[in-house]
Full PDB file with SEQRES, HELIX, SHEET, SSBOND, CRYST1, ORIGX, SCALE, CONECT and MASTER records, all heavy atoms in Angstrom:
SEQRES   1 A   30  SER LEU ASN ASN LEU LYS LYS LEU PHE GLU ILE LEU GLU          
SEQRES   2 A   30  LYS ILE LYS LEU SER LYS THR TYR GLU PHE THR PHE GLU          
SEQRES   3 A   30  CYS ASN TYR ASP                                              
HELIX    1 AA1 LEU A    2  LEU A   12  1                                  11    
CRYST1    1.000    1.000    1.000  90.00  90.00  90.00 P 1           1          
ORIGX1      1.000000  0.000000  0.000000        0.00000                         
ORIGX2      0.000000  1.000000  0.000000        0.00000                         
ORIGX3      0.000000  0.000000  1.000000        0.00000                         
SCALE1      1.000000  0.000000  0.000000        0.00000                         
SCALE2      0.000000  1.000000  0.000000        0.00000                         
SCALE3      0.000000  0.000000  1.000000        0.00000                         
ATOM      1  N   SER A   1      91.307  96.303  97.575  1.00  0.00           N  
ATOM      2  CA  SER A   1      91.268  94.936  98.087  1.00  0.00           C  
ATOM      3  C   SER A   1      92.411  94.747  99.085  1.00  0.00           C  
ATOM      4  O   SER A   1      93.389  95.503  99.088  1.00  0.00           O  
ATOM      5  CB  SER A   1      91.421  93.936  96.946  1.00  0.00           C  
ATOM      6  OG  SER A   1      92.725  94.035  96.376  1.00  0.00           O  
ATOM      7  N   LEU A   2      92.302  93.749  99.928  1.00  0.00           N  
ATOM      8  CA  LEU A   2      93.352  93.507 100.922  1.00  0.00           C  
ATOM      9  C   LEU A   2      94.689  93.236 100.240  1.00  0.00           C  
ATOM     10  O   LEU A   2      95.743  93.682 100.716  1.00  0.00           O  
ATOM     11  CB  LEU A   2      92.958  92.352 101.836  1.00  0.00           C  
ATOM     12  CG  LEU A   2      91.815  92.658 102.819  1.00  0.00           C  
ATOM     13  CD1 LEU A   2      91.436  91.406 103.606  1.00  0.00           C  
ATOM     14  CD2 LEU A   2      92.183  93.787 103.773  1.00  0.00           C  
ATOM     15  N   ASN A   3      94.671  92.538  99.108  1.00  0.00           N  
ATOM     16  CA  ASN A   3      95.925  92.264  98.398  1.00  0.00           C  
ATOM     17  C   ASN A   3      96.550  93.544  97.876  1.00  0.00           C  
ATOM     18  O   ASN A   3      97.773  93.739  97.959  1.00  0.00           O  
ATOM     19  CB  ASN A   3      95.684  91.283  97.250  1.00  0.00           C  
ATOM     20  CG  ASN A   3      95.543  89.850  97.721  1.00  0.00           C  
ATOM     21  OD1 ASN A   3      96.019  89.499  98.802  1.00  0.00           O  
ATOM     22  ND2 ASN A   3      94.890  89.017  96.919  1.00  0.00           N  
ATOM     23  N   ASN A   4      95.727  94.443  97.335  1.00  0.00           N  
ATOM     24  CA  ASN A   4      96.272  95.708  96.847  1.00  0.00           C  
ATOM     25  C   ASN A   4      96.702  96.613  97.991  1.00  0.00           C  
ATOM     26  O   ASN A   4      97.656  97.388  97.850  1.00  0.00           O  
ATOM     27  CB  ASN A   4      95.257  96.415  95.951  1.00  0.00           C  
ATOM     28  CG  ASN A   4      95.308  95.930  94.511  1.00  0.00           C  
ATOM     29  OD1 ASN A   4      96.386  95.615  93.999  1.00  0.00           O  
ATOM     30  ND2 ASN A   4      94.165  95.859  93.854  1.00  0.00           N  
ATOM     31  N   LEU A   5      96.018  96.531  99.128  1.00  0.00           N  
ATOM     32  CA  LEU A   5      96.475  97.287 100.294  1.00  0.00           C  
ATOM     33  C   LEU A   5      97.839  96.791 100.760  1.00  0.00           C  
ATOM     34  O   LEU A   5      98.719  97.579 101.111  1.00  0.00           O  
ATOM     35  CB  LEU A   5      95.452  97.173 101.429  1.00  0.00           C  
ATOM     36  CG  LEU A   5      94.243  98.104 101.337  1.00  0.00           C  
ATOM     37  CD1 LEU A   5      93.231  97.764 102.426  1.00  0.00           C  
ATOM     38  CD2 LEU A   5      94.665  99.568 101.446  1.00  0.00           C  
ATOM     39  N   LYS A   6      98.005  95.478 100.739  1.00  0.00           N  
ATOM     40  CA  LYS A   6      99.314  94.916 101.117  1.00  0.00           C  
ATOM     41  C   LYS A   6     100.393  95.392 100.157  1.00  0.00           C  
ATOM     42  O   LYS A   6     101.514  95.720 100.561  1.00  0.00           O  
ATOM     43  CB  LYS A   6      99.234  93.393 101.153  1.00  0.00           C  
ATOM     44  CG  LYS A   6      98.394  92.847 102.300  1.00  0.00           C  
ATOM     45  CD  LYS A   6      98.224  91.334 102.206  1.00  0.00           C  
ATOM     46  CE  LYS A   6      97.309  90.822 103.322  1.00  0.00           C  
ATOM     47  NZ  LYS A   6      97.068  89.354 103.216  1.00  0.00           N  
ATOM     48  N   LYS A   7     100.050  95.441  98.860  1.00  0.00           N  
ATOM     49  CA  LYS A   7     101.000  95.938  97.859  1.00  0.00           C  
ATOM     50  C   LYS A   7     101.337  97.406  98.120  1.00  0.00           C  
ATOM     51  O   LYS A   7     102.504  97.814  98.042  1.00  0.00           O  
ATOM     52  CB  LYS A   7     100.414  95.763  96.460  1.00  0.00           C  
ATOM     53  CG  LYS A   7     101.321  96.247  95.340  1.00  0.00           C  
ATOM     54  CD  LYS A   7     100.716  95.963  93.968  1.00  0.00           C  
ATOM     55  CE  LYS A   7     101.618  96.455  92.844  1.00  0.00           C  
ATOM     56  NZ  LYS A   7     101.068  96.134  91.501  1.00  0.00           N  
ATOM     57  N   LEU A   8     100.305  98.214  98.469  1.00  0.00           N  
ATOM     58  CA  LEU A   8     100.529  99.624  98.783  1.00  0.00           C  
ATOM     59  C   LEU A   8     101.480  99.770  99.964  1.00  0.00           C  
ATOM     60  O   LEU A   8     102.432 100.563  99.913  1.00  0.00           O  
ATOM     61  CB  LEU A   8      99.195 100.308  99.092  1.00  0.00           C  
ATOM     62  CG  LEU A   8      99.268 101.737  99.626  1.00  0.00           C  
ATOM     63  CD1 LEU A   8      99.904 102.684  98.614  1.00  0.00           C  
ATOM     64  CD2 LEU A   8      97.878 102.242 100.012  1.00  0.00           C  
ATOM     65  N   PHE A   9     101.257  99.013 101.007  1.00  0.00           N  
ATOM     66  CA  PHE A   9     102.112  99.135 102.195  1.00  0.00           C  
ATOM     67  C   PHE A   9     103.542  98.651 101.917  1.00  0.00           C  
ATOM     68  O   PHE A   9     104.499  99.172 102.497  1.00  0.00           O  
ATOM     69  CB  PHE A   9     101.494  98.393 103.376  1.00  0.00           C  
ATOM     70  CG  PHE A   9     100.284  99.102 103.952  1.00  0.00           C  
ATOM     71  CD1 PHE A   9      99.059  98.457 104.067  1.00  0.00           C  
ATOM     72  CD2 PHE A   9     100.374 100.418 104.366  1.00  0.00           C  
ATOM     73  CE1 PHE A   9      97.961  99.107 104.587  1.00  0.00           C  
ATOM     74  CE2 PHE A   9      99.276 101.089 104.886  1.00  0.00           C  
ATOM     75  CZ  PHE A   9      98.056 100.425 104.994  1.00  0.00           C  
ATOM     76  N   GLU A  10     103.692  97.685 101.025  1.00  0.00           N  
ATOM     77  CA  GLU A  10     105.035  97.264 100.629  1.00  0.00           C  
ATOM     78  C   GLU A  10     105.760  98.401  99.922  1.00  0.00           C  
ATOM     79  O   GLU A  10     106.957  98.632 100.145  1.00  0.00           O  
ATOM     80  CB  GLU A  10     104.957  96.038  99.713  1.00  0.00           C  
ATOM     81  CG  GLU A  10     104.590  94.744 100.442  1.00  0.00           C  
ATOM     82  CD  GLU A  10     104.354  93.592  99.484  1.00  0.00           C  
ATOM     83  OE1 GLU A  10     104.575  93.773  98.251  1.00  0.00           O  
ATOM     84  OE2 GLU A  10     103.937  92.504  99.945  1.00  0.00           O  
ATOM     85  N   ILE A  11     105.034  99.132  99.068  1.00  0.00           N  
ATOM     86  CA  ILE A  11     105.612 100.284  98.375  1.00  0.00           C  
ATOM     87  C   ILE A  11     106.057 101.348  99.377  1.00  0.00           C  
ATOM     88  O   ILE A  11     107.112 101.980  99.225  1.00  0.00           O  
ATOM     89  CB  ILE A  11     104.584 100.875  97.387  1.00  0.00           C  
ATOM     90  CG1 ILE A  11     104.338  99.907  96.241  1.00  0.00           C  
ATOM     91  CG2 ILE A  11     105.029 102.246  96.869  1.00  0.00           C  
ATOM     92  CD1 ILE A  11     103.132 100.258  95.374  1.00  0.00           C  
ATOM     93  N   LEU A  12     105.252 101.522 100.434  1.00  0.00           N  
ATOM     94  CA  LEU A  12     105.520 102.595 101.400  1.00  0.00           C  
ATOM     95  C   LEU A  12     106.576 102.221 102.438  1.00  0.00           C  
ATOM     96  O   LEU A  12     106.967 103.068 103.239  1.00  0.00           O  
ATOM     97  CB  LEU A  12     104.219 102.992 102.112  1.00  0.00           C  
ATOM     98  CG  LEU A  12     103.111 103.550 101.210  1.00  0.00           C  
ATOM     99  CD1 LEU A  12     101.894 103.942 102.036  1.00  0.00           C  
ATOM    100  CD2 LEU A  12     103.608 104.739 100.399  1.00  0.00           C  
ATOM    101  N   GLU A  13     107.033 100.979 102.411  1.00  0.00           N  
ATOM    102  CA  GLU A  13     108.049 100.564 103.383  1.00  0.00           C  
ATOM    103  C   GLU A  13     109.325 101.377 103.254  1.00  0.00           C  
ATOM    104  O   GLU A  13     110.065 101.553 104.226  1.00  0.00           O  
ATOM    105  CB  GLU A  13     108.360  99.071 103.215  1.00  0.00           C  
ATOM    106  CG  GLU A  13     107.304  98.158 103.816  1.00  0.00           C  
ATOM    107  CD  GLU A  13     107.642  96.691 103.610  1.00  0.00           C  
ATOM    108  OE1 GLU A  13     108.701  96.405 102.997  1.00  0.00           O  
ATOM    109  OE2 GLU A  13     106.848  95.837 104.054  1.00  0.00           O  
ATOM    110  N   LYS A  14     109.607 101.901 102.062  1.00  0.00           N  
ATOM    111  CA  LYS A  14     110.835 102.681 101.850  1.00  0.00           C  
ATOM    112  C   LYS A  14     110.766 104.062 102.499  1.00  0.00           C  
ATOM    113  O   LYS A  14     111.783 104.725 102.667  1.00  0.00           O  
ATOM    114  CB  LYS A  14     111.130 102.815 100.355  1.00  0.00           C  
ATOM    115  CG  LYS A  14     110.063 103.543  99.563  1.00  0.00           C  
ATOM    116  CD  LYS A  14     110.451 103.716  98.096  1.00  0.00           C  
ATOM    117  CE  LYS A  14     110.622 102.405  97.384  1.00  0.00           C  
ATOM    118  NZ  LYS A  14     109.359 101.646  97.210  1.00  0.00           N  
ATOM    119  N   ILE A  15     109.564 104.510 102.868  1.00  0.00           N  
ATOM    120  CA  ILE A  15     109.426 105.826 103.494  1.00  0.00           C  
ATOM    121  C   ILE A  15     109.731 105.720 104.983  1.00  0.00           C  
ATOM    122  O   ILE A  15     109.114 104.933 105.706  1.00  0.00           O  
ATOM    123  CB  ILE A  15     108.012 106.394 103.258  1.00  0.00           C  
ATOM    124  CG1 ILE A  15     107.808 106.689 101.763  1.00  0.00           C  
ATOM    125  CG2 ILE A  15     107.788 107.659 104.089  1.00  0.00           C  
ATOM    126  CD1 ILE A  15     106.455 107.273 101.417  1.00  0.00           C  
ATOM    127  N   LYS A  16     110.687 106.501 105.423  1.00  0.00           N  
ATOM    128  CA  LYS A  16     111.115 106.458 106.828  1.00  0.00           C  
ATOM    129  C   LYS A  16     110.219 107.367 107.672  1.00  0.00           C  
ATOM    130  O   LYS A  16     109.886 108.470 107.253  1.00  0.00           O  
ATOM    131  CB  LYS A  16     112.567 106.922 106.946  1.00  0.00           C  
ATOM    132  CG  LYS A  16     113.554 106.100 106.133  1.00  0.00           C  
ATOM    133  CD  LYS A  16     114.934 106.737 106.158  1.00  0.00           C  
ATOM    134  CE  LYS A  16     115.900 106.011 105.226  1.00  0.00           C  
ATOM    135  NZ  LYS A  16     117.215 106.713 105.170  1.00  0.00           N  
ATOM    136  N   LEU A  17     109.856 106.881 108.854  1.00  0.00           N  
ATOM    137  CA  LEU A  17     109.012 107.650 109.754  1.00  0.00           C  
ATOM    138  C   LEU A  17     109.754 107.938 111.058  1.00  0.00           C  
ATOM    139  O   LEU A  17     110.510 107.099 111.552  1.00  0.00           O  
ATOM    140  CB  LEU A  17     107.715 106.882 110.051  1.00  0.00           C  
ATOM    141  CG  LEU A  17     106.788 106.647 108.850  1.00  0.00           C  
ATOM    142  CD1 LEU A  17     105.626 105.748 109.247  1.00  0.00           C  
ATOM    143  CD2 LEU A  17     106.273 107.963 108.286  1.00  0.00           C  
ATOM    144  N   SER A  18     109.529 109.132 111.604  1.00  0.00           N  
ATOM    145  CA  SER A  18     110.154 109.507 112.872  1.00  0.00           C  
ATOM    146  C   SER A  18     109.532 108.730 114.027  1.00  0.00           C  
ATOM    147  O   SER A  18     108.507 108.054 113.872  1.00  0.00           O  
ATOM    148  CB  SER A  18     109.987 111.010 113.119  1.00  0.00           C  
ATOM    149  OG  SER A  18     108.624 111.305 113.371  1.00  0.00           O  
ATOM    150  N   LYS A  19     110.117 108.831 115.192  1.00  0.00           N  
ATOM    151  CA  LYS A  19     109.603 108.111 116.368  1.00  0.00           C  
ATOM    152  C   LYS A  19     108.244 108.632 116.810  1.00  0.00           C  
ATOM    153  O   LYS A  19     107.472 107.902 117.439  1.00  0.00           O  
ATOM    154  CB  LYS A  19     110.609 108.217 117.520  1.00  0.00           C  
ATOM    155  CG  LYS A  19     111.904 107.457 117.266  1.00  0.00           C  
ATOM    156  CD  LYS A  19     112.865 107.592 118.435  1.00  0.00           C  
ATOM    157  CE  LYS A  19     114.152 106.826 118.158  1.00  0.00           C  
ATOM    158  NZ  LYS A  19     115.141 106.968 119.276  1.00  0.00           N  
ATOM    159  N   THR A  20     107.948 109.885 116.504  1.00  0.00           N  
ATOM    160  CA  THR A  20     106.673 110.483 116.930  1.00  0.00           C  
ATOM    161  C   THR A  20     105.748 110.707 115.729  1.00  0.00           C  
ATOM    162  O   THR A  20     104.986 111.667 115.700  1.00  0.00           O  
ATOM    163  CB  THR A  20     106.919 111.818 117.646  1.00  0.00           C  
ATOM    164  OG1 THR A  20     107.641 112.707 116.773  1.00  0.00           O  
ATOM    165  CG2 THR A  20     107.716 111.611 118.930  1.00  0.00           C  
ATOM    166  N   TYR A  21     105.800 109.822 114.755  1.00  0.00           N  
ATOM    167  CA  TYR A  21     105.073 110.006 113.506  1.00  0.00           C  
ATOM    168  C   TYR A  21     103.558 109.940 113.697  1.00  0.00           C  
ATOM    169  O   TYR A  21     103.043 109.351 114.645  1.00  0.00           O  
ATOM    170  CB  TYR A  21     105.496 108.947 112.485  1.00  0.00           C  
ATOM    171  CG  TYR A  21     104.959 107.558 112.763  1.00  0.00           C  
ATOM    172  CD1 TYR A  21     103.733 107.142 112.252  1.00  0.00           C  
ATOM    173  CD2 TYR A  21     105.684 106.648 113.536  1.00  0.00           C  
ATOM    174  CE1 TYR A  21     103.227 105.876 112.511  1.00  0.00           C  
ATOM    175  CE2 TYR A  21     105.194 105.379 113.790  1.00  0.00           C  
ATOM    176  CZ  TYR A  21     103.966 104.998 113.268  1.00  0.00           C  
ATOM    177  OH  TYR A  21     103.468 103.745 113.525  1.00  0.00           O  
ATOM    178  N   GLU A  22     102.858 110.542 112.726  1.00  0.00           N  
ATOM    179  CA  GLU A  22     101.408 110.420 112.594  1.00  0.00           C  
ATOM    180  C   GLU A  22     101.149 109.869 111.190  1.00  0.00           C  
ATOM    181  O   GLU A  22     101.549 110.464 110.197  1.00  0.00           O  
ATOM    182  CB  GLU A  22     100.746 111.787 112.750  1.00  0.00           C  
ATOM    183  CG  GLU A  22      99.224 111.788 112.498  1.00  0.00           C  
ATOM    184  CD  GLU A  22      98.686 113.209 112.372  1.00  0.00           C  
ATOM    185  OE1 GLU A  22      98.311 113.783 113.407  1.00  0.00           O  
ATOM    186  OE2 GLU A  22      98.655 113.735 111.229  1.00  0.00           O  
ATOM    187  N   PHE A  23     100.474 108.719 111.115  1.00  0.00           N  
ATOM    188  CA  PHE A  23     100.204 108.048 109.838  1.00  0.00           C  
ATOM    189  C   PHE A  23      98.699 107.849 109.737  1.00  0.00           C  
ATOM    190  O   PHE A  23      98.111 107.015 110.412  1.00  0.00           O  
ATOM    191  CB  PHE A  23     100.955 106.711 109.800  1.00  0.00           C  
ATOM    192  CG  PHE A  23     100.862 105.957 108.492  1.00  0.00           C  
ATOM    193  CD1 PHE A  23     101.618 104.815 108.304  1.00  0.00           C  
ATOM    194  CD2 PHE A  23     100.040 106.365 107.445  1.00  0.00           C  
ATOM    195  CE1 PHE A  23     101.552 104.090 107.115  1.00  0.00           C  
ATOM    196  CE2 PHE A  23      99.970 105.663 106.252  1.00  0.00           C  
ATOM    197  CZ  PHE A  23     100.726 104.513 106.091  1.00  0.00           C  
ATOM    198  N   THR A  24      98.074 108.670 108.864  1.00  0.00           N  
ATOM    199  CA  THR A  24      96.616 108.685 108.732  1.00  0.00           C  
ATOM    200  C   THR A  24      96.171 107.909 107.493  1.00  0.00           C  
ATOM    201  O   THR A  24      96.802 108.007 106.433  1.00  0.00           O  
ATOM    202  CB  THR A  24      96.097 110.133 108.623  1.00  0.00           C  
ATOM    203  OG1 THR A  24      96.518 110.878 109.770  1.00  0.00           O  
ATOM    204  CG2 THR A  24      94.574 110.161 108.544  1.00  0.00           C  
ATOM    205  N   PHE A  25      95.070 107.192 107.638  1.00  0.00           N  
ATOM    206  CA  PHE A  25      94.485 106.427 106.533  1.00  0.00           C  
ATOM    207  C   PHE A  25      92.995 106.717 106.496  1.00  0.00           C  
ATOM    208  O   PHE A  25      92.300 106.569 107.495  1.00  0.00           O  
ATOM    209  CB  PHE A  25      94.728 104.933 106.750  1.00  0.00           C  
ATOM    210  CG  PHE A  25      94.312 104.052 105.607  1.00  0.00           C  
ATOM    211  CD1 PHE A  25      95.219 103.686 104.632  1.00  0.00           C  
ATOM    212  CD2 PHE A  25      93.013 103.565 105.507  1.00  0.00           C  
ATOM    213  CE1 PHE A  25      94.846 102.862 103.569  1.00  0.00           C  
ATOM    214  CE2 PHE A  25      92.626 102.752 104.460  1.00  0.00           C  
ATOM    215  CZ  PHE A  25      93.545 102.389 103.484  1.00  0.00           C  
ATOM    216  N   GLU A  26      92.491 107.160 105.313  1.00  0.00           N  
ATOM    217  CA  GLU A  26      91.066 107.471 105.175  1.00  0.00           C  
ATOM    218  C   GLU A  26      90.250 106.215 104.877  1.00  0.00           C  
ATOM    219  O   GLU A  26      90.660 105.374 104.068  1.00  0.00           O  
ATOM    220  CB  GLU A  26      90.848 108.491 104.050  1.00  0.00           C  
ATOM    221  CG  GLU A  26      91.320 109.886 104.391  1.00  0.00           C  
ATOM    222  CD  GLU A  26      90.975 110.902 103.313  1.00  0.00           C  
ATOM    223  OE1 GLU A  26      90.519 110.494 102.223  1.00  0.00           O  
ATOM    224  OE2 GLU A  26      91.177 112.101 103.558  1.00  0.00           O  
ATOM    225  N   CYS A  27      89.079 106.119 105.519  1.00  0.00           N  
ATOM    226  CA  CYS A  27      88.197 104.960 105.340  1.00  0.00           C  
ATOM    227  C   CYS A  27      86.761 105.398 105.119  1.00  0.00           C  
ATOM    228  O   CYS A  27      86.322 106.397 105.682  1.00  0.00           O  
ATOM    229  CB  CYS A  27      88.192 104.077 106.589  1.00  0.00           C  
ATOM    230  SG  CYS A  27      89.774 103.409 107.097  1.00  0.00           S  
ATOM    231  N   ASN A  28      86.026 104.617 104.341  1.00  0.00           N  
ATOM    232  CA  ASN A  28      84.577 104.665 104.365  1.00  0.00           C  
ATOM    233  C   ASN A  28      84.095 103.677 105.413  1.00  0.00           C  
ATOM    234  O   ASN A  28      84.664 102.576 105.537  1.00  0.00           O  
ATOM    235  CB  ASN A  28      83.982 104.319 102.999  1.00  0.00           C  
ATOM    236  CG  ASN A  28      83.684 105.559 102.168  1.00  0.00           C  
ATOM    237  OD1 ASN A  28      83.969 106.689 102.570  1.00  0.00           O  
ATOM    238  ND2 ASN A  28      83.126 105.345 100.994  1.00  0.00           N  
ATOM    239  N   TYR A  29      83.060 104.030 106.126  1.00  0.00           N  
ATOM    240  CA  TYR A  29      82.626 103.175 107.233  1.00  0.00           C  
ATOM    241  C   TYR A  29      82.240 101.773 106.764  1.00  0.00           C  
ATOM    242  O   TYR A  29      82.473 100.783 107.470  1.00  0.00           O  
ATOM    243  CB  TYR A  29      81.451 103.823 107.981  1.00  0.00           C  
ATOM    244  CG  TYR A  29      80.112 103.659 107.302  1.00  0.00           C  
ATOM    245  CD1 TYR A  29      79.306 102.560 107.571  1.00  0.00           C  
ATOM    246  CD2 TYR A  29      79.656 104.591 106.372  1.00  0.00           C  
ATOM    247  CE1 TYR A  29      78.080 102.403 106.931  1.00  0.00           C  
ATOM    248  CE2 TYR A  29      78.444 104.439 105.740  1.00  0.00           C  
ATOM    249  CZ  TYR A  29      77.654 103.345 106.019  1.00  0.00           C  
ATOM    250  OH  TYR A  29      76.447 103.179 105.393  1.00  0.00           O  
ATOM    251  N   ASP A  30      81.673 101.655 105.542  1.00  0.00           N  
ATOM    252  CA  ASP A  30      81.204 100.347 105.095  1.00  0.00           C  
ATOM    253  C   ASP A  30      82.331  99.454 104.585  1.00  0.00           C  
ATOM    254  O   ASP A  30      82.096  98.295 104.229  1.00  0.00           O  
ATOM    255  CB  ASP A  30      80.101 100.483 104.035  1.00  0.00           C  
ATOM    256  CG  ASP A  30      80.436 101.445 102.922  1.00  0.00           C  
ATOM    257  OD1 ASP A  30      81.401 102.211 103.072  1.00  0.00           O  
ATOM    258  OD2 ASP A  30      79.728 101.431 101.903  1.00  0.00           O  
TER     259      ASP A  30                                                      
MASTER        0    0    0    1    0    0    0    6  258    1    0    3          
END                                                                             
């Protein structure tokens, strides 16, 4: 759900990314 996705991204805020990072997210088309 969008709320749980927001919670997931809040958890991931502590992970530092480089300036040239690649951040992939898997989706189902529907």
